[in-house]
Protein backbone atom coordinates (compact mmCIF):
# COMPACT_ATOMS: atom_id res chain seq x y z
CA MET A 1 78.62 35.89 75.80
CA ALA A 2 74.96 36.67 75.85
CA PRO A 3 72.61 33.78 77.10
CA SER A 4 70.54 31.94 74.61
CA PRO A 5 66.85 33.01 74.39
CA SER A 6 65.88 29.30 74.32
CA VAL A 7 67.47 29.07 77.90
CA LEU A 8 66.44 32.48 78.98
CA VAL A 9 62.79 32.44 78.06
CA PRO A 10 61.71 29.46 80.16
CA ALA A 11 64.05 30.44 83.06
CA THR A 12 62.51 34.00 83.16
CA LEU A 13 58.95 32.76 82.93
CA PHE A 14 59.60 30.31 85.72
CA THR A 15 61.18 32.90 88.00
CA ILE A 16 58.28 35.39 87.25
CA MET A 17 55.69 32.84 88.04
CA PHE A 18 57.41 31.57 91.25
CA ALA A 19 57.93 35.11 92.40
CA LEU A 20 54.22 35.70 91.73
CA GLY A 21 53.23 32.70 93.83
CA VAL A 22 55.61 33.77 96.71
CA GLY A 23 54.28 37.27 96.84
CA LEU A 24 50.54 36.42 96.57
CA PRO A 25 48.41 37.68 99.47
CA LEU A 26 46.83 34.25 100.61
CA ASP A 27 44.23 36.28 102.59
CA GLY A 28 42.83 37.64 99.30
CA PHE A 29 41.75 34.23 98.10
CA SER A 30 39.04 34.24 100.76
CA ARG A 31 37.36 37.04 98.66
CA TRP A 32 36.71 34.79 95.63
CA GLN A 33 33.17 33.89 96.69
CA GLN A 34 32.20 37.57 97.27
CA GLN A 35 33.79 38.57 93.92
CA ARG A 36 32.78 35.54 91.87
CA GLY A 37 30.97 37.77 89.41
CA VAL A 38 33.78 40.09 88.57
CA LEU A 39 36.27 37.34 88.61
CA LEU A 40 34.29 35.43 85.86
CA ARG A 41 33.90 38.65 83.91
CA GLY A 42 37.64 39.33 84.16
CA LEU A 43 38.70 35.81 83.12
CA LEU A 44 36.18 36.04 80.25
CA GLY A 45 37.78 39.33 79.19
CA THR A 46 41.44 38.41 79.35
CA CYS A 47 41.30 34.73 78.15
CA VAL A 48 38.37 34.91 75.63
CA LEU A 49 37.24 38.39 74.43
CA VAL A 50 40.85 39.78 73.92
CA PRO A 51 41.74 36.90 71.68
CA LEU A 52 38.45 37.16 69.81
CA ALA A 53 39.02 40.90 69.34
CA ALA A 54 42.40 40.04 67.80
CA VAL A 55 40.79 37.65 65.40
CA ALA A 56 38.12 40.19 64.47
CA LEU A 57 40.89 42.81 63.79
CA LEU A 58 42.98 40.39 61.64
CA LEU A 59 39.92 39.53 59.58
CA TRP A 60 39.21 43.16 58.93
CA PRO A 61 39.85 44.00 55.15
CA ALA A 62 42.25 46.86 56.18
CA THR A 63 44.64 44.50 57.88
CA LEU A 64 44.91 41.84 55.11
CA SER A 65 48.26 43.34 54.10
CA LEU A 66 49.83 42.44 57.50
CA SER A 67 52.88 40.18 57.21
CA GLN A 68 52.72 36.68 58.67
CA PRO A 69 55.11 37.36 61.40
CA ALA A 70 53.11 40.39 62.50
CA ARG A 71 49.98 38.30 62.52
CA PHE A 72 51.72 35.55 64.53
CA ALA A 73 52.93 38.15 67.09
CA ILE A 74 49.62 39.69 67.58
CA ALA A 75 47.89 36.38 67.91
CA LEU A 76 50.39 35.05 70.41
CA MET A 77 50.19 38.07 72.67
CA ALA A 78 46.41 38.06 72.42
CA VAL A 79 46.13 34.45 73.56
CA SER A 80 48.66 34.78 76.44
CA PRO A 81 47.04 36.03 79.55
CA SER A 82 48.35 36.34 83.18
CA ALA A 83 50.94 39.23 82.50
CA PRO A 84 54.15 39.01 84.61
CA LEU A 85 54.48 41.46 87.52
CA LEU A 86 50.86 42.52 87.13
CA LEU A 87 50.27 42.05 90.80
CA ARG A 88 52.94 44.71 91.75
CA LYS A 89 51.68 47.17 88.92
CA ALA A 90 48.06 46.86 90.02
CA GLY A 91 49.13 47.79 93.65
CA LYS A 92 51.07 50.86 92.58
CA GLN A 93 48.60 52.19 89.95
CA GLY A 94 45.43 52.34 92.31
CA GLY A 95 44.21 48.89 91.56
CA ASP A 96 42.94 46.12 93.85
CA ARG A 97 45.96 43.92 94.53
CA SER A 98 43.97 41.03 95.99
CA LEU A 99 41.65 40.99 93.01
CA ALA A 100 44.62 41.16 90.61
CA ALA A 101 46.01 38.15 92.38
CA LEU A 102 42.82 36.16 91.96
CA LEU A 103 42.49 37.03 88.40
CA GLN A 104 46.15 36.28 87.61
CA VAL A 105 46.02 32.78 89.25
CA GLY A 106 42.79 32.21 87.51
CA ALA A 107 44.03 33.24 84.09
CA ALA A 108 47.15 30.99 84.50
CA LEU A 109 44.80 28.09 85.13
CA VAL A 110 42.36 28.90 82.34
CA ALA A 111 45.22 29.37 79.90
CA ILE A 112 45.95 25.64 80.06
CA LEU A 113 42.76 25.14 78.21
CA SER A 114 42.17 28.41 76.43
CA ILE A 115 45.47 28.76 74.60
CA PRO A 116 45.38 25.30 72.94
CA LEU A 117 41.77 25.81 71.91
CA LEU A 118 42.41 29.37 70.58
CA ALA A 119 45.58 28.36 68.77
CA ILE A 120 43.54 25.68 66.80
CA LEU A 121 40.81 28.31 66.13
CA ILE A 122 43.21 30.82 64.86
CA THR A 123 45.23 28.42 62.76
CA ARG A 124 42.06 27.08 61.10
CA ILE A 125 40.57 30.60 60.45
CA PHE A 126 43.80 31.94 58.82
CA GLY A 127 44.82 28.68 57.20
CA VAL A 128 48.23 28.84 58.92
CA SER A 129 50.52 26.08 57.84
CA GLY A 130 53.73 24.71 59.43
CA TRP A 131 52.49 24.91 63.12
CA ALA A 132 52.31 21.41 64.36
CA ILE A 133 49.94 22.39 67.14
CA GLU A 134 48.50 19.78 69.40
CA ALA A 135 46.26 20.82 72.23
CA ARG A 136 47.90 18.48 74.77
CA HIS A 137 51.36 19.69 73.87
CA VAL A 138 50.49 23.38 74.23
CA ALA A 139 48.62 22.61 77.61
CA GLY A 140 51.66 20.76 78.83
CA GLN A 141 53.96 23.75 78.03
CA VAL A 142 51.62 26.29 79.62
CA ALA A 143 51.25 24.17 82.69
CA LEU A 144 55.01 23.54 83.11
CA ALA A 145 55.85 27.20 82.35
CA GLN A 146 53.06 28.87 84.54
CA LEU A 147 51.25 26.50 86.77
CA VAL A 148 54.22 24.52 88.25
CA PRO A 149 56.33 27.52 89.47
CA LEU A 150 53.15 29.30 90.67
CA LEU A 151 52.17 26.32 92.86
CA LEU A 152 55.66 25.97 94.22
CA GLY A 153 55.59 29.70 95.19
CA LEU A 154 52.16 29.25 96.74
CA LEU A 155 53.33 26.27 98.72
CA LEU A 156 56.38 28.20 100.02
CA ARG A 157 54.04 31.08 101.00
CA ARG A 158 51.66 28.68 102.70
CA PHE A 159 54.07 26.50 104.64
CA ALA A 160 57.11 28.77 105.12
CA PRO A 161 55.63 32.32 105.45
CA GLN A 162 58.79 33.67 107.08
CA TRP A 163 61.04 32.57 104.14
CA ALA A 164 58.50 33.63 101.64
CA SER A 165 58.51 37.24 103.26
CA ARG A 166 62.30 37.26 103.15
CA LEU A 167 62.50 36.13 99.40
CA GLU A 168 59.62 38.20 98.05
CA ALA A 169 61.60 41.41 97.47
CA PRO A 170 64.75 39.72 96.15
CA LEU A 171 62.79 37.39 93.83
CA ASP A 172 60.83 40.38 92.51
CA ARG A 173 63.99 42.07 91.66
CA ILE A 174 65.44 39.00 90.05
CA ALA A 175 62.22 38.59 87.88
CA ASN A 176 62.61 42.21 86.86
CA VAL A 177 66.28 41.81 85.94
CA LEU A 178 65.56 38.61 83.92
CA LEU A 179 62.62 40.13 82.07
CA LEU A 180 64.78 43.15 81.11
CA LEU A 181 67.67 40.88 80.11
CA LEU A 182 65.33 38.78 77.99
CA VAL A 183 64.00 41.72 76.18
CA LEU A 184 67.57 43.03 75.53
CA VAL A 185 68.82 39.63 74.43
CA VAL A 186 65.87 39.27 71.97
CA LEU A 187 66.46 42.83 70.63
CA ALA A 188 70.08 42.04 70.27
CA LYS A 189 69.34 38.91 68.34
CA THR A 190 66.82 40.65 66.11
CA ALA A 191 68.38 44.19 65.92
CA PRO A 192 69.49 43.69 62.24
CA LEU A 193 65.87 43.16 61.41
CA LEU A 194 64.41 46.21 63.35
CA THR A 195 64.49 48.76 60.52
CA THR A 196 63.37 46.22 57.94
CA TYR A 197 60.49 45.04 60.34
CA VAL A 198 59.21 48.50 61.14
CA GLY A 199 59.23 49.46 57.39
CA ALA A 200 57.44 46.25 56.43
CA ASN A 201 54.93 46.41 59.28
CA LEU A 202 53.73 49.97 59.53
CA VAL A 203 50.19 48.81 59.27
CA ALA A 204 50.78 46.36 62.15
CA LEU A 205 51.70 49.01 64.77
CA PRO A 206 48.35 50.82 64.70
CA VAL A 207 46.54 47.37 64.78
CA MET A 208 48.56 46.55 67.87
CA GLY A 209 47.59 49.85 69.36
CA ALA A 210 44.01 49.38 68.50
CA LEU A 211 43.93 45.92 70.20
CA VAL A 212 45.50 47.36 73.27
CA LEU A 213 42.92 50.09 73.46
CA ILE A 214 40.12 47.56 72.85
CA SER A 215 41.53 45.35 75.73
CA LEU A 216 41.71 48.40 78.07
CA ALA A 217 38.11 49.31 77.21
CA LEU A 218 36.92 45.71 77.60
CA GLY A 219 38.51 45.52 81.17
CA TYR A 220 37.05 49.00 82.13
CA GLY A 221 33.64 48.00 80.82
CA LEU A 222 33.53 44.49 82.48
CA ALA A 223 34.25 45.96 85.88
CA ASP A 224 31.69 47.34 88.39
CA ARG A 225 31.63 51.09 89.02
CA ASP A 226 34.39 50.84 91.66
CA PRO A 227 37.44 52.92 90.44
CA GLN A 228 40.02 50.34 91.87
CA GLN A 229 38.20 47.40 90.19
CA ARG A 230 38.08 49.34 86.86
CA VAL A 231 41.92 49.98 86.93
CA THR A 232 42.58 46.32 87.97
CA LEU A 233 40.37 44.76 85.12
CA ALA A 234 41.84 47.14 82.59
CA LEU A 235 45.35 46.14 83.45
CA VAL A 236 44.48 42.41 83.53
CA THR A 237 42.81 42.45 80.09
CA SER A 238 45.36 44.72 78.35
CA MET A 239 48.68 43.50 79.79
CA ARG A 240 49.55 40.28 78.04
CA ASN A 241 52.42 37.75 79.01
CA PRO A 242 55.42 38.37 76.65
CA GLY A 243 57.45 35.55 78.32
CA LEU A 244 54.76 33.06 77.51
CA ALA A 245 54.34 34.45 73.97
CA LEU A 246 58.07 34.22 73.27
CA LEU A 247 58.10 30.69 74.53
CA LEU A 248 55.38 29.71 72.18
CA ALA A 249 57.17 31.65 69.39
CA GLY A 250 60.34 29.76 70.08
CA THR A 251 58.56 26.51 69.78
CA TYR A 252 56.26 27.09 66.86
CA ALA A 253 58.06 29.64 64.80
CA PRO A 254 61.57 29.18 65.61
CA GLU A 255 62.69 30.10 62.09
CA VAL A 256 60.83 33.35 62.07
CA PRO A 257 62.70 35.90 64.41
CA ALA A 258 60.38 38.77 63.26
CA VAL A 259 57.74 37.14 65.35
CA LYS A 260 59.68 37.73 68.56
CA LEU A 261 60.35 41.33 67.43
CA GLY A 262 56.60 41.74 66.97
CA ILE A 263 55.86 40.54 70.50
CA LEU A 264 58.31 43.20 71.91
CA MET A 265 56.75 45.88 69.72
CA TYR A 266 53.37 44.89 71.16
CA LEU A 267 54.76 45.07 74.67
CA LEU A 268 56.11 48.52 74.12
CA ILE A 269 52.85 49.75 72.73
CA THR A 270 50.96 48.31 75.61
CA VAL A 271 53.18 50.15 78.10
CA LEU A 272 52.92 53.51 76.15
CA LEU A 273 49.23 53.34 75.73
CA SER A 274 48.63 52.32 79.40
CA ILE A 275 50.32 55.54 80.65
CA PRO A 276 47.61 58.09 79.69
CA PHE A 277 44.85 55.72 80.80
CA LEU A 278 46.34 55.23 84.26
CA HIS A 279 47.00 58.99 84.61
CA TRP A 280 43.33 59.60 83.70
CA GLN A 281 42.26 57.01 86.38
CA ARG A 282 44.49 58.75 89.10
CA LEU A 283 42.91 62.04 88.29
CA ARG A 284 39.43 60.56 88.67
CA GLN A 285 40.38 58.81 91.93
CA ALA A 286 41.86 62.06 93.23
């Protein structure tokens, strides 16, 4: 029997954020004063500019034909920063792992305020009805889902570094498995809608692709001329948090499964479009 997404989503997000806290290089936090400018620009990009770019795209006359589920999916991914497993990806793709760690922790903290405010802004701009959004409820959800497990992981790294070193690799593998399982379970639940969704949302796919490309360009442009920094900020701004987006979708649009399918489509498009960008950056660094 497949696990319920209502249980798997928070469990996956908790594990991912706990694994992030356990694996964070604490010595990298000493760099925040030296990198204060790029950190602020990175947080501005991932927590504010990407969501505003999504709003601009959704207000564009050519996108007015988008279905409500597609709009919800794009909006939820746009407002959900601090992508899971970003730290590991940045280290493997020629980015700055310490900078990625600082940005990821900062984005998780800023999201407690940015997501409720952006959700209210988006619902008012587009006249969305049926979403009983209260800033304090969203802030509580984001804090519980991201901040609490992150702090627990950081405390383990700080006070039991040997245990943290032993658990880092197994937790990383568990987080990967849970994220893959979550994607498969959501796909299994929404599979009957897949053909209908793609047929009804052909316009949404290029819009998602455009937002991913804009996000990559924003991160690249906000960085200094350092190649590692450019890779890091591009990844931070473009890669969103599907676990958090699915959690919010399950809370505020539980009767619209197509929203979850749209979130997975956005995730797939992000992965596909990041491949040529990262290949280009590797060639430049070589």
